[in-house]
Amino acid sequence: MKNRKVINIQVGKAIKDLREAAGLTQEQFAELISMSTKNVSSVERGRVGISLSTLKHICEKLNVSSDRILFGDRYTNNVDLLSERFSLLSPEEFATVSDVFNKLFIATAMHRK
C-alpha cells in the first residue's frame, strides 16, 4: 500500500462528506467534475491528492469555499453549510433558490396548523 499524506486523507474525507451532503453518488459527482469514478474514489480515500485547479472546480460544483475543504468543518450544524453554499450563488441562482425555500417554508407552516 502506498503511503498516504495526512493532507490527502483530510481533504479526501472533506470532499466525500460534502459530496454526500449534496446528495451525490460518486458516479454523479465524477461526471459533474469531469473525473473518473475510480479517481474520485482514490481522492476520497486519500490515496491521491488533487491539483489547485481540481480543487477550484470541486468548490464551484459543490458551492463551497476551499477553506471548508482545506481546514475542515468549523461550523456547528448544516445551516452553516447551506448558508455558505447560498453565498456562492449568482444573484439569479440565489433568487431561484430563495423562491423554492420560501415555498417550502409556506408548505411546512401549513402542515403545522
Protein backbone atom coordinates (compact mmCIF):
# COMPACT_ATOMS: atom_id res chain seq x y z
CA MET A 1 0.00 0.00 0.00
CA LYS A 2 1.28 3.45 -0.88
CA ASN A 3 1.93 5.89 1.94
CA ARG A 4 -0.85 8.41 2.19
CA LYS A 5 -0.19 12.01 3.16
CA VAL A 6 -2.27 13.29 6.05
CA ILE A 7 -3.43 16.29 3.99
CA ASN A 8 -4.71 14.00 1.22
CA ILE A 9 -6.68 11.96 3.76
CA GLN A 10 -8.20 15.09 5.36
CA VAL A 11 -9.07 16.71 2.02
CA GLY A 12 -10.46 13.45 0.65
CA LYS A 13 -12.71 12.97 3.69
CA ALA A 14 -13.94 16.57 3.43
CA ILE A 15 -14.76 16.12 -0.25
CA LYS A 16 -16.58 12.87 0.45
CA ASP A 17 -18.59 14.44 3.29
CA LEU A 18 -19.56 17.43 1.13
CA ARG A 19 -20.43 15.21 -1.83
CA GLU A 20 -22.69 13.12 0.37
CA ALA A 21 -24.24 16.23 1.95
CA ALA A 22 -25.07 17.38 -1.59
CA GLY A 23 -26.81 14.03 -2.18
CA LEU A 24 -24.46 12.95 -4.96
CA THR A 25 -23.17 9.46 -5.64
CA GLN A 26 -19.53 9.04 -6.61
CA GLU A 27 -20.67 8.41 -10.18
CA GLN A 28 -22.77 11.60 -10.32
CA PHE A 29 -20.01 13.65 -8.72
CA ALA A 30 -17.38 12.21 -11.07
CA GLU A 31 -19.46 13.21 -14.07
CA LEU A 32 -20.07 16.67 -12.61
CA ILE A 33 -16.35 17.37 -12.16
CA SER A 34 -15.17 15.52 -15.28
CA MET A 35 -13.22 12.89 -13.40
CA SER A 36 -13.45 9.11 -13.44
CA THR A 37 -15.30 7.37 -10.62
CA LYS A 38 -12.11 5.49 -9.81
CA ASN A 39 -10.25 8.79 -9.43
CA VAL A 40 -12.97 10.23 -7.18
CA SER A 41 -12.74 7.11 -5.02
CA SER A 42 -8.96 7.44 -4.79
CA VAL A 43 -9.23 11.12 -3.82
CA GLU A 44 -11.89 10.46 -1.19
CA ARG A 45 -9.79 7.70 0.36
CA GLY A 46 -6.73 9.96 0.44
CA ARG A 47 -4.73 7.74 -1.88
CA VAL A 48 -4.07 10.63 -4.25
CA GLY A 49 -4.05 14.40 -3.94
CA ILE A 50 -5.72 16.96 -6.16
CA SER A 51 -4.44 19.96 -8.06
CA LEU A 52 -5.48 23.51 -7.29
CA SER A 53 -7.49 23.63 -10.50
CA THR A 54 -9.36 20.47 -9.48
CA LEU A 55 -9.97 21.92 -6.01
CA LYS A 56 -11.38 25.09 -7.58
CA HIS A 57 -13.61 23.04 -9.89
CA ILE A 58 -14.89 20.92 -6.97
CA CYS A 59 -15.62 24.06 -4.93
CA GLU A 60 -17.55 25.59 -7.82
CA LYS A 61 -19.63 22.45 -8.39
CA LEU A 62 -20.41 21.91 -4.70
CA ASN A 63 -20.85 25.64 -4.00
CA VAL A 64 -18.45 25.59 -1.06
CA SER A 65 -15.30 27.51 -0.26
CA SER A 66 -11.88 25.92 -0.44
CA ASP A 67 -11.46 26.80 3.26
CA ARG A 68 -14.16 24.32 4.11
CA ILE A 69 -12.30 21.54 2.28
CA LEU A 70 -8.81 22.50 3.41
CA PHE A 71 -9.46 23.48 7.04
CA GLY A 72 -12.41 21.32 7.92
CA ASP A 73 -15.78 21.89 9.42
CA ARG A 74 -15.58 24.87 11.74
CA TYR A 75 -19.32 25.07 11.97
CA THR A 76 -21.78 23.59 14.39
CA ASN A 77 -24.55 22.41 12.06
CA ASN A 78 -25.68 22.09 8.46
CA VAL A 79 -27.35 25.52 8.48
CA ASP A 80 -23.88 26.99 8.16
CA LEU A 81 -23.12 24.75 5.19
CA LEU A 82 -26.34 25.84 3.47
CA SER A 83 -25.59 29.48 4.21
CA GLU A 84 -22.11 29.13 2.76
CA ARG A 85 -23.46 27.45 -0.36
CA PHE A 86 -26.13 30.16 -0.79
CA SER A 87 -23.50 32.90 -0.53
CA LEU A 88 -21.64 31.47 -3.52
CA LEU A 89 -24.66 31.51 -5.85
CA SER A 90 -25.09 34.12 -8.54
CA PRO A 91 -27.88 36.65 -7.88
CA GLU A 92 -30.13 34.84 -10.36
CA GLU A 93 -29.45 31.42 -8.80
CA PHE A 94 -29.99 32.85 -5.32
CA ALA A 95 -33.37 34.29 -6.35
CA THR A 96 -34.46 30.89 -7.66
CA VAL A 97 -33.28 29.02 -4.56
CA SER A 98 -34.87 31.62 -2.27
CA ASP A 99 -38.18 31.24 -4.08
CA VAL A 100 -38.06 27.46 -3.68
CA PHE A 101 -37.20 27.71 0.03
CA ASN A 102 -39.93 30.28 0.67
CA LYS A 103 -42.46 27.91 -0.90
CA LEU A 104 -41.15 25.07 1.28
CA PHE A 105 -41.48 27.23 4.39
CA ILE A 106 -45.06 28.08 3.45
CA ALA A 107 -45.88 24.41 2.86
CA THR A 108 -44.28 23.45 6.17
CA ALA A 109 -46.20 26.16 8.03
CA MET A 110 -49.47 24.93 6.55
CA HIS A 111 -48.85 21.45 7.99
CA ARG A 112 -48.35 22.88 11.49
CA LYS A 113 -51.92 24.22 11.72
